[in-house]
Amino acid sequence: MQKNVYAVEYPIAVDKGLGQLALQTDFAAHVEQLMKQVLFTDPGERINRPDFGCGIRRMVFAPNSQESASLAQVTIFQAMEKWLGTLVKVNQVEVSAENEVLSIKINYVLKAQQERRYLNVEVNL
């Protein structure tokens, strides 16, 4: 079942052809944008939702170690379940720390489509 959505593109962009905000109409891409918002929003950054996000950017100031990666893994899993639990079922979160790169791999299922998907993100520390 293909599910369409009409939401503002993230990060916000202007559709030059139409002269208005760019829209995201693909449901899977929209959910991926939401996941990135959860990942890169620091708790306290949103005024009306002060506990939103998991704050991966804070890891920039933490030592890049396996212990930090394990902490990030738990934090990411909990944030995804809390904020996107109605849209996705997170099967697995893997976080590894190598040199100055924090590698995040999320294995999830889109609940509306019962489709398994992956999100891979690298954060340079």
N, C-alpha and C. Protein backbone atom coordinates (compact mmCIF):
# COMPACT_ATOMS: atom_id res chain seq x y z
N MET A 1 0.84 -1.17 0.00
CA MET A 1 0.00 0.00 0.00
C MET A 1 0.89 1.24 0.00
N GLN A 2 0.79 2.05 -1.01
CA GLN A 2 1.56 3.30 -1.10
C GLN A 2 0.83 4.38 -0.35
N LYS A 3 1.51 5.02 0.57
CA LYS A 3 0.89 6.08 1.36
C LYS A 3 1.56 7.39 1.00
N ASN A 4 0.75 8.39 0.64
CA ASN A 4 1.26 9.71 0.30
C ASN A 4 1.08 10.65 1.47
N VAL A 5 1.94 11.62 1.52
CA VAL A 5 1.89 12.63 2.57
C VAL A 5 2.21 13.97 1.92
N TYR A 6 1.69 15.04 2.47
CA TYR A 6 2.01 16.38 1.98
C TYR A 6 2.53 17.18 3.17
N ALA A 7 3.85 17.26 3.27
CA ALA A 7 4.49 17.93 4.39
C ALA A 7 5.60 18.83 3.86
N VAL A 8 5.96 19.82 4.65
CA VAL A 8 7.05 20.71 4.28
C VAL A 8 8.35 19.92 4.29
N GLU A 9 9.15 20.09 3.27
CA GLU A 9 10.44 19.41 3.15
C GLU A 9 11.36 19.82 4.29
N TYR A 10 12.13 18.86 4.78
CA TYR A 10 13.11 19.14 5.83
C TYR A 10 14.48 18.76 5.31
N PRO A 11 15.48 19.58 5.39
CA PRO A 11 15.43 20.96 5.85
C PRO A 11 14.59 21.81 4.90
N ILE A 12 14.05 22.88 5.45
CA ILE A 12 13.14 23.74 4.70
C ILE A 12 13.83 24.28 3.45
N ALA A 13 13.11 24.19 2.33
CA ALA A 13 13.64 24.65 1.05
C ALA A 13 12.50 25.31 0.27
N VAL A 14 12.86 26.07 -0.74
CA VAL A 14 11.88 26.72 -1.60
C VAL A 14 11.87 26.01 -2.95
N ASP A 15 10.69 25.68 -3.42
CA ASP A 15 10.53 25.12 -4.76
C ASP A 15 10.61 26.29 -5.73
N LYS A 16 11.72 26.43 -6.42
CA LYS A 16 11.96 27.59 -7.28
C LYS A 16 10.95 27.69 -8.41
N GLY A 17 10.48 26.55 -8.90
CA GLY A 17 9.52 26.56 -9.99
C GLY A 17 8.16 27.11 -9.57
N LEU A 18 7.77 26.81 -8.34
CA LEU A 18 6.46 27.25 -7.84
C LEU A 18 6.55 28.50 -6.98
N GLY A 19 7.74 28.82 -6.48
CA GLY A 19 7.91 29.98 -5.62
C GLY A 19 7.27 29.82 -4.26
N GLN A 20 7.23 28.59 -3.77
CA GLN A 20 6.65 28.32 -2.45
C GLN A 20 7.51 27.27 -1.74
N LEU A 21 7.16 26.99 -0.50
CA LEU A 21 7.91 25.99 0.24
C LEU A 21 7.85 24.65 -0.47
N ALA A 22 8.99 23.96 -0.51
CA ALA A 22 9.04 22.65 -1.14
C ALA A 22 8.28 21.64 -0.27
N LEU A 23 7.53 20.75 -0.91
CA LEU A 23 6.75 19.75 -0.20
C LEU A 23 7.35 18.37 -0.39
N GLN A 24 7.21 17.55 0.63
CA GLN A 24 7.61 16.15 0.56
C GLN A 24 6.33 15.34 0.41
N THR A 25 6.23 14.56 -0.65
CA THR A 25 5.01 13.79 -0.89
C THR A 25 5.22 12.29 -0.72
N ASP A 26 6.45 11.85 -0.58
CA ASP A 26 6.75 10.43 -0.41
C ASP A 26 6.76 10.10 1.09
N PHE A 27 5.92 9.16 1.50
CA PHE A 27 5.79 8.83 2.92
C PHE A 27 7.09 8.32 3.53
N ALA A 28 7.78 7.41 2.84
CA ALA A 28 9.02 6.86 3.37
C ALA A 28 10.08 7.94 3.55
N ALA A 29 10.18 8.85 2.59
CA ALA A 29 11.14 9.95 2.69
C ALA A 29 10.76 10.90 3.81
N HIS A 30 9.46 11.11 3.99
CA HIS A 30 8.98 11.96 5.08
C HIS A 30 9.37 11.38 6.44
N VAL A 31 9.18 10.09 6.62
CA VAL A 31 9.53 9.44 7.88
C VAL A 31 11.04 9.51 8.10
N GLU A 32 11.83 9.35 7.05
CA GLU A 32 13.28 9.47 7.17
C GLU A 32 13.67 10.88 7.62
N GLN A 33 12.98 11.89 7.09
CA GLN A 33 13.23 13.27 7.53
C GLN A 33 12.90 13.43 9.01
N LEU A 34 11.79 12.83 9.45
CA LEU A 34 11.41 12.90 10.86
C LEU A 34 12.46 12.22 11.74
N MET A 35 12.99 11.11 11.28
CA MET A 35 14.02 10.40 12.04
C MET A 35 15.27 11.26 12.20
N LYS A 36 15.65 11.96 11.14
CA LYS A 36 16.81 12.84 11.21
C LYS A 36 16.55 14.01 12.15
N GLN A 37 15.32 14.50 12.18
CA GLN A 37 14.97 15.57 13.11
C GLN A 37 15.15 15.10 14.55
N VAL A 38 14.68 13.89 14.84
CA VAL A 38 14.83 13.34 16.19
C VAL A 38 16.31 13.18 16.52
N LEU A 39 17.09 12.67 15.57
CA LEU A 39 18.52 12.45 15.81
C LEU A 39 19.28 13.74 16.11
N PHE A 40 19.03 14.77 15.32
CA PHE A 40 19.87 15.97 15.39
C PHE A 40 19.28 17.12 16.21
N THR A 41 18.11 16.91 16.83
CA THR A 41 17.54 17.94 17.70
C THR A 41 17.99 17.65 19.13
N ASP A 42 18.52 18.67 19.78
CA ASP A 42 18.94 18.54 21.18
C ASP A 42 17.74 18.75 22.09
N PRO A 43 17.61 17.94 23.14
CA PRO A 43 16.55 18.22 24.12
C PRO A 43 16.71 19.65 24.64
N GLY A 44 15.58 20.36 24.72
CA GLY A 44 15.59 21.75 25.14
C GLY A 44 15.63 22.72 23.98
N GLU A 45 15.87 22.24 22.78
CA GLU A 45 15.97 23.11 21.60
C GLU A 45 14.60 23.60 21.13
N ARG A 46 13.58 22.78 21.28
CA ARG A 46 12.23 23.17 20.88
C ARG A 46 11.48 23.72 22.08
N ILE A 47 10.91 24.89 21.93
CA ILE A 47 10.27 25.56 23.04
C ILE A 47 9.05 24.79 23.57
N ASN A 48 8.18 24.36 22.70
CA ASN A 48 6.95 23.70 23.13
C ASN A 48 7.11 22.20 23.39
N ARG A 49 8.25 21.66 23.02
CA ARG A 49 8.55 20.24 23.30
C ARG A 49 9.99 20.15 23.80
N PRO A 50 10.22 20.55 25.04
CA PRO A 50 11.60 20.62 25.54
C PRO A 50 12.30 19.28 25.66
N ASP A 51 11.55 18.17 25.69
CA ASP A 51 12.20 16.87 25.78
C ASP A 51 12.32 16.17 24.43
N PHE A 52 11.97 16.86 23.34
CA PHE A 52 12.05 16.27 22.00
C PHE A 52 13.50 16.10 21.57
N GLY A 53 13.79 15.00 20.89
CA GLY A 53 15.10 14.76 20.30
C GLY A 53 15.97 13.85 21.15
N CYS A 54 17.13 13.52 20.59
CA CYS A 54 18.08 12.69 21.34
C CYS A 54 19.46 13.32 21.42
N GLY A 55 19.70 14.39 20.71
CA GLY A 55 20.91 15.17 20.91
C GLY A 55 22.21 14.53 20.49
N ILE A 56 22.24 13.93 19.33
CA ILE A 56 23.48 13.32 18.85
C ILE A 56 24.58 14.36 18.68
N ARG A 57 24.20 15.59 18.39
CA ARG A 57 25.23 16.64 18.22
C ARG A 57 26.01 16.88 19.50
N ARG A 58 25.42 16.56 20.65
CA ARG A 58 26.15 16.71 21.92
C ARG A 58 27.35 15.76 21.99
N MET A 59 27.29 14.70 21.20
CA MET A 59 28.39 13.72 21.19
C MET A 59 29.68 14.32 20.66
N VAL A 60 29.58 15.48 20.02
CA VAL A 60 30.77 16.15 19.51
C VAL A 60 31.74 16.44 20.65
N PHE A 61 31.21 16.69 21.84
CA PHE A 61 32.04 17.05 22.97
C PHE A 61 32.37 15.87 23.88
N ALA A 62 31.85 14.69 23.56
CA ALA A 62 32.14 13.49 24.35
C ALA A 62 33.31 12.74 23.74
N PRO A 63 34.03 11.97 24.55
CA PRO A 63 35.12 11.17 23.97
C PRO A 63 34.54 10.16 22.98
N ASN A 64 35.19 9.99 21.86
CA ASN A 64 34.73 9.05 20.85
C ASN A 64 35.23 7.66 21.21
N SER A 65 34.43 6.96 22.00
CA SER A 65 34.81 5.63 22.48
C SER A 65 33.65 4.67 22.31
N GLN A 66 33.90 3.42 22.55
CA GLN A 66 32.84 2.42 22.45
C GLN A 66 31.78 2.63 23.53
N GLU A 67 32.20 3.15 24.68
CA GLU A 67 31.24 3.44 25.76
C GLU A 67 30.27 4.55 25.32
N SER A 68 30.81 5.59 24.69
CA SER A 68 29.96 6.68 24.18
C SER A 68 29.02 6.15 23.10
N ALA A 69 29.53 5.27 22.25
CA ALA A 69 28.71 4.69 21.19
C ALA A 69 27.57 3.86 21.79
N SER A 70 27.84 3.13 22.85
CA SER A 70 26.80 2.32 23.50
C SER A 70 25.73 3.21 24.13
N LEU A 71 26.15 4.30 24.75
CA LEU A 71 25.22 5.26 25.32
C LEU A 71 24.35 5.89 24.22
N ALA A 72 24.98 6.25 23.12
CA ALA A 72 24.25 6.83 21.99
C ALA A 72 23.24 5.84 21.43
N GLN A 73 23.62 4.58 21.36
CA GLN A 73 22.74 3.53 20.84
C GLN A 73 21.45 3.44 21.66
N VAL A 74 21.57 3.42 22.97
CA VAL A 74 20.40 3.34 23.84
C VAL A 74 19.57 4.61 23.72
N THR A 75 20.23 5.76 23.70
CA THR A 75 19.53 7.04 23.60
C THR A 75 18.74 7.14 22.30
N ILE A 76 19.35 6.73 21.20
CA ILE A 76 18.68 6.78 19.89
C ILE A 76 17.48 5.85 19.87
N PHE A 77 17.65 4.63 20.35
CA PHE A 77 16.55 3.66 20.35
C PHE A 77 15.36 4.20 21.15
N GLN A 78 15.62 4.72 22.34
CA GLN A 78 14.55 5.25 23.18
C GLN A 78 13.86 6.45 22.54
N ALA A 79 14.63 7.35 21.93
CA ALA A 79 14.05 8.53 21.30
C ALA A 79 13.18 8.14 20.10
N MET A 80 13.63 7.20 19.30
CA MET A 80 12.84 6.76 18.14
C MET A 80 11.54 6.12 18.59
N GLU A 81 11.60 5.30 19.62
CA GLU A 81 10.39 4.66 20.14
C GLU A 81 9.42 5.70 20.70
N LYS A 82 9.96 6.68 21.42
CA LYS A 82 9.11 7.69 22.05
C LYS A 82 8.45 8.60 21.03
N TRP A 83 9.23 9.13 20.09
CA TRP A 83 8.72 10.17 19.20
C TRP A 83 8.15 9.64 17.89
N LEU A 84 8.59 8.48 17.44
CA LEU A 84 8.11 7.98 16.16
C LEU A 84 7.53 6.57 16.26
N GLY A 85 7.21 6.16 17.46
CA GLY A 85 6.69 4.81 17.69
C GLY A 85 5.40 4.49 16.96
N THR A 86 4.62 5.50 16.62
CA THR A 86 3.38 5.25 15.87
C THR A 86 3.64 5.05 14.38
N LEU A 87 4.80 5.50 13.90
CA LEU A 87 5.13 5.40 12.48
C LEU A 87 6.08 4.26 12.15
N VAL A 88 7.02 4.00 13.06
CA VAL A 88 8.05 2.99 12.78
C VAL A 88 8.21 2.03 13.95
N LYS A 89 8.64 0.83 13.63
CA LYS A 89 9.05 -0.16 14.62
C LYS A 89 10.55 -0.32 14.45
N VAL A 90 11.31 0.15 15.43
CA VAL A 90 12.76 0.07 15.36
C VAL A 90 13.18 -1.34 15.75
N ASN A 91 13.84 -2.03 14.83
CA ASN A 91 14.32 -3.38 15.10
C ASN A 91 15.70 -3.37 15.73
N GLN A 92 16.56 -2.50 15.24
CA GLN A 92 17.94 -2.52 15.71
C GLN A 92 18.60 -1.17 15.47
N VAL A 93 19.41 -0.76 16.43
CA VAL A 93 20.23 0.44 16.30
C VAL A 93 21.66 0.02 16.57
N GLU A 94 22.55 0.31 15.62
CA GLU A 94 23.97 0.03 15.79
C GLU A 94 24.73 1.35 15.73
N VAL A 95 25.58 1.57 16.71
CA VAL A 95 26.40 2.77 16.73
C VAL A 95 27.84 2.33 16.94
N SER A 96 28.72 2.80 16.09
CA SER A 96 30.13 2.48 16.24
C SER A 96 30.96 3.76 16.17
N ALA A 97 32.03 3.77 16.93
CA ALA A 97 32.91 4.93 16.99
C ALA A 97 34.27 4.53 16.42
N GLU A 98 34.65 5.17 15.33
CA GLU A 98 35.95 4.92 14.72
C GLU A 98 36.60 6.25 14.37
N ASN A 99 37.78 6.46 14.91
CA ASN A 99 38.50 7.72 14.75
C ASN A 99 37.60 8.88 15.14
N GLU A 100 37.32 9.81 14.24
CA GLU A 100 36.47 10.94 14.60
C GLU A 100 35.08 10.84 13.97
N VAL A 101 34.63 9.62 13.66
CA VAL A 101 33.33 9.41 13.04
C VAL A 101 32.47 8.50 13.91
N LEU A 102 31.24 8.96 14.17
CA LEU A 102 30.24 8.15 14.86
C LEU A 102 29.28 7.66 13.80
N SER A 103 29.25 6.36 13.58
CA SER A 103 28.43 5.76 12.54
C SER A 103 27.16 5.19 13.17
N ILE A 104 26.00 5.61 12.64
CA ILE A 104 24.71 5.19 13.18
C ILE A 104 23.96 4.43 12.09
N LYS A 105 23.50 3.21 12.42
CA LYS A 105 22.72 2.40 11.49
C LYS A 105 21.44 1.99 12.19
N ILE A 106 20.31 2.37 11.61
CA ILE A 106 19.01 2.07 12.19
C ILE A 106 18.24 1.17 11.23
N ASN A 107 17.82 0.01 11.72
CA ASN A 107 17.01 -0.93 10.97
C ASN A 107 15.58 -0.79 11.52
N TYR A 108 14.63 -0.43 10.65
CA TYR A 108 13.27 -0.19 11.11
C TYR A 108 12.25 -0.67 10.08
N VAL A 109 11.00 -0.74 10.52
CA VAL A 109 9.89 -1.12 9.65
C VAL A 109 8.88 0.02 9.66
N LEU A 110 8.49 0.47 8.47
CA LEU A 110 7.40 1.44 8.34
C LEU A 110 6.10 0.72 8.65
N LYS A 111 5.43 1.11 9.70
CA LYS A 111 4.22 0.39 10.12
C LYS A 111 3.11 0.45 9.08
N ALA A 112 2.92 1.59 8.44
CA ALA A 112 1.83 1.75 7.47
C ALA A 112 2.00 0.87 6.24
N GLN A 113 3.24 0.59 5.88
CA GLN A 113 3.50 -0.17 4.66
C GLN A 113 4.08 -1.54 4.93
N GLN A 114 4.41 -1.83 6.20
CA GLN A 114 5.07 -3.07 6.58
C GLN A 114 6.30 -3.31 5.70
N GLU A 115 7.08 -2.25 5.55
CA GLU A 115 8.27 -2.26 4.70
C GLU A 115 9.52 -2.04 5.55
N ARG A 116 10.49 -2.95 5.43
CA ARG A 116 11.74 -2.82 6.17
C ARG A 116 12.64 -1.81 5.46
N ARG A 117 13.21 -0.92 6.28
CA ARG A 117 14.07 0.12 5.72
C ARG A 117 15.28 0.32 6.63
N TYR A 118 16.26 1.04 6.12
CA TYR A 118 17.49 1.31 6.86
C TYR A 118 17.82 2.79 6.75
N LEU A 119 18.35 3.34 7.83
CA LEU A 119 18.84 4.71 7.85
C LEU A 119 20.27 4.66 8.35
N ASN A 120 21.20 5.13 7.53
CA ASN A 120 22.61 5.18 7.90
C ASN A 120 23.05 6.62 7.94
N VAL A 121 23.63 7.02 9.07
CA VAL A 121 24.07 8.40 9.27
C VAL A 121 25.47 8.37 9.88
N GLU A 122 26.33 9.25 9.38
CA GLU A 122 27.66 9.41 9.97
C GLU A 122 27.77 10.81 10.53
N VAL A 123 28.24 10.90 11.77
CA VAL A 123 28.44 12.18 12.43
C VAL A 123 29.94 12.35 12.63
N ASN A 124 30.49 13.41 12.05
CA ASN A 124 31.91 13.69 12.23
C ASN A 124 32.10 14.46 13.52
N LEU A 125 32.91 13.89 14.38
CA LEU A 125 33.14 14.50 15.69
C LEU A 125 34.35 15.39 15.68
